[in-house]
Amino acid sequence: MKKRRMRAVVLFFLMLSIVGCGLFNPGPSQVVKNFFQYVEKGEVENATKLFSKQSAQTFGSKLSSMMAFQVGTIKRKGGITSIDTKENITGDVAKVTYKVTFRDTTTEDGTFDLIKEDGAWKIQVNMNK
């Protein structure tokens, strides 16, 4: 009985350390999906956290304004029914192509560039696009 309890405690702390070291950070496609889900819910602050430090510094408060506009657009279209993604990862850089389908049956296609920053995938806004 004591061995079983000890194994459970050791397993618990092992899993806790794995989660703590960031092994379960979302991949690039999930970050893009999270972005759209946050924007749909009007959680602009959470959506802003998904952008790289460079993007946040470059665009500052404009980033929040752009997302607030997108919140209204998504609401006018009745919300999101699905988000399909395809990703291409090369080292610490990823490109995610997405297709968002809205309740009014319209769609939006696009691509996000992401970079790995402090072990987490972040959306990188390129000025050249």
Protein backbone atom coordinates (compact mmCIF):
# COMPACT_ATOMS: atom_id res chain seq x y z
CA MET A 1 0.00 0.00 0.00
CA LYS A 2 2.80 2.42 0.88
CA LYS A 3 4.66 1.61 -2.35
CA ARG A 4 1.57 2.30 -4.40
CA ARG A 5 1.03 5.64 -2.67
CA MET A 6 4.71 6.54 -3.12
CA ARG A 7 4.52 5.72 -6.84
CA ALA A 8 1.44 7.92 -7.19
CA VAL A 9 3.21 10.81 -5.45
CA VAL A 10 6.33 10.41 -7.60
CA LEU A 11 4.23 10.20 -10.78
CA PHE A 12 2.30 13.31 -9.76
CA PHE A 13 5.47 15.35 -9.22
CA LEU A 14 7.00 14.03 -12.43
CA MET A 15 3.95 15.14 -14.42
CA LEU A 16 3.94 18.48 -12.61
CA SER A 17 7.58 19.09 -13.56
CA ILE A 18 6.91 18.20 -17.21
CA VAL A 19 4.00 20.64 -17.37
CA GLY A 20 6.05 23.29 -15.58
CA CYS A 21 8.93 23.11 -18.05
CA GLY A 22 6.64 23.96 -20.96
CA LEU A 23 6.56 20.60 -22.67
CA PHE A 24 2.84 21.01 -23.26
CA ASN A 25 2.87 24.47 -24.84
CA PRO A 26 0.45 24.63 -27.76
CA GLY A 27 1.85 24.17 -31.26
CA PRO A 28 1.62 26.82 -33.98
CA SER A 29 -1.78 25.68 -35.34
CA GLN A 30 -3.30 25.67 -31.87
CA VAL A 31 -1.95 29.19 -31.20
CA VAL A 32 -3.72 30.42 -34.35
CA LYS A 33 -6.94 28.68 -33.31
CA ASN A 34 -6.63 30.15 -29.80
CA PHE A 35 -6.16 33.60 -31.34
CA PHE A 36 -9.40 33.40 -33.30
CA GLN A 37 -11.28 31.93 -30.32
CA TYR A 38 -10.08 34.74 -28.02
CA VAL A 39 -11.03 37.38 -30.59
CA GLU A 40 -14.44 35.79 -31.09
CA LYS A 41 -15.06 35.95 -27.32
CA GLY A 42 -13.87 39.55 -27.19
CA GLU A 43 -10.85 38.57 -25.07
CA VAL A 44 -8.53 41.02 -26.81
CA GLU A 45 -6.01 41.06 -23.94
CA ASN A 46 -5.56 37.27 -24.15
CA ALA A 47 -5.29 37.44 -27.94
CA THR A 48 -2.61 40.15 -27.64
CA LYS A 49 -0.50 37.83 -25.48
CA LEU A 50 -0.20 35.47 -28.46
CA PHE A 51 1.90 37.98 -30.42
CA SER A 52 5.69 38.11 -30.32
CA LYS A 53 7.44 40.79 -28.28
CA GLN A 54 8.61 42.45 -31.49
CA SER A 55 5.07 42.58 -32.91
CA ALA A 56 3.72 44.00 -29.65
CA GLN A 57 6.45 46.66 -29.56
CA THR A 58 6.08 47.57 -33.23
CA PHE A 59 2.30 47.91 -33.23
CA GLY A 60 1.59 48.77 -29.57
CA SER A 61 -2.01 49.80 -28.98
CA LYS A 62 -2.81 49.45 -32.71
CA LEU A 63 -2.75 45.69 -32.17
CA SER A 64 -5.65 45.91 -29.71
CA SER A 65 -7.54 48.28 -32.00
CA MET A 66 -7.18 45.92 -34.95
CA MET A 67 -8.44 43.01 -32.86
CA ALA A 68 -11.36 45.03 -31.47
CA PHE A 69 -12.40 45.70 -35.07
CA GLN A 70 -12.12 41.97 -35.81
CA VAL A 71 -14.37 41.20 -32.80
CA GLY A 72 -17.12 43.27 -34.44
CA THR A 73 -16.58 41.61 -37.81
CA ILE A 74 -16.88 38.13 -36.31
CA LYS A 75 -20.06 39.12 -34.44
CA ARG A 76 -21.63 40.54 -37.62
CA LYS A 77 -20.94 37.21 -39.32
CA GLY A 78 -22.68 35.32 -36.51
CA GLY A 79 -19.54 33.85 -34.95
CA ILE A 80 -17.09 31.17 -36.01
CA THR A 81 -18.21 27.67 -36.90
CA SER A 82 -14.80 26.18 -37.73
CA ILE A 83 -11.09 26.94 -38.01
CA ASP A 84 -8.99 24.72 -40.28
CA THR A 85 -5.21 25.00 -40.24
CA LYS A 86 -2.13 23.58 -41.93
CA GLU A 87 1.31 24.24 -40.51
CA ASN A 88 4.86 24.12 -41.78
CA ILE A 89 7.54 24.20 -39.07
CA THR A 90 11.23 24.81 -39.70
CA GLY A 91 13.16 25.02 -36.45
CA ASP A 92 11.87 27.98 -34.43
CA VAL A 93 9.81 29.41 -37.31
CA ALA A 94 6.39 28.26 -38.50
CA LYS A 95 3.88 29.25 -41.14
CA VAL A 96 0.22 28.44 -40.46
CA THR A 97 -2.34 28.67 -43.24
CA TYR A 98 -5.89 28.97 -41.95
CA LYS A 99 -9.46 28.97 -43.17
CA VAL A 100 -12.09 30.37 -40.82
CA THR A 101 -15.71 29.57 -41.60
CA PHE A 102 -18.33 31.86 -40.11
CA ARG A 103 -21.92 31.10 -39.19
CA ASP A 104 -23.14 33.16 -42.17
CA THR A 105 -21.19 30.67 -44.37
CA THR A 106 -18.55 33.20 -45.46
CA THR A 107 -14.90 32.25 -45.07
CA GLU A 108 -11.59 33.98 -44.47
CA ASP A 109 -8.30 32.49 -45.65
CA GLY A 110 -4.88 33.66 -44.61
CA THR A 111 -1.46 32.88 -43.24
CA PHE A 112 0.25 33.64 -39.96
CA ASP A 113 4.00 33.52 -39.39
CA LEU A 114 4.98 32.33 -35.94
CA ILE A 115 8.25 32.25 -34.05
CA LYS A 116 9.27 30.33 -30.97
CA GLU A 117 9.91 32.82 -28.20
CA ASP A 118 10.95 31.66 -24.72
CA GLY A 119 9.74 28.15 -25.60
CA ALA A 120 6.26 29.25 -26.75
CA TRP A 121 4.92 29.86 -30.26
CA LYS A 122 4.02 33.51 -30.90
CA ILE A 123 2.42 35.24 -33.87
CA GLN A 124 4.93 37.40 -35.74
CA VAL A 125 3.50 40.26 -37.77
CA ASN A 126 5.71 41.08 -40.77
CA MET A 127 5.80 44.64 -42.03
CA ASN A 128 6.59 43.45 -45.58
CA LYS A 129 3.20 41.78 -46.12
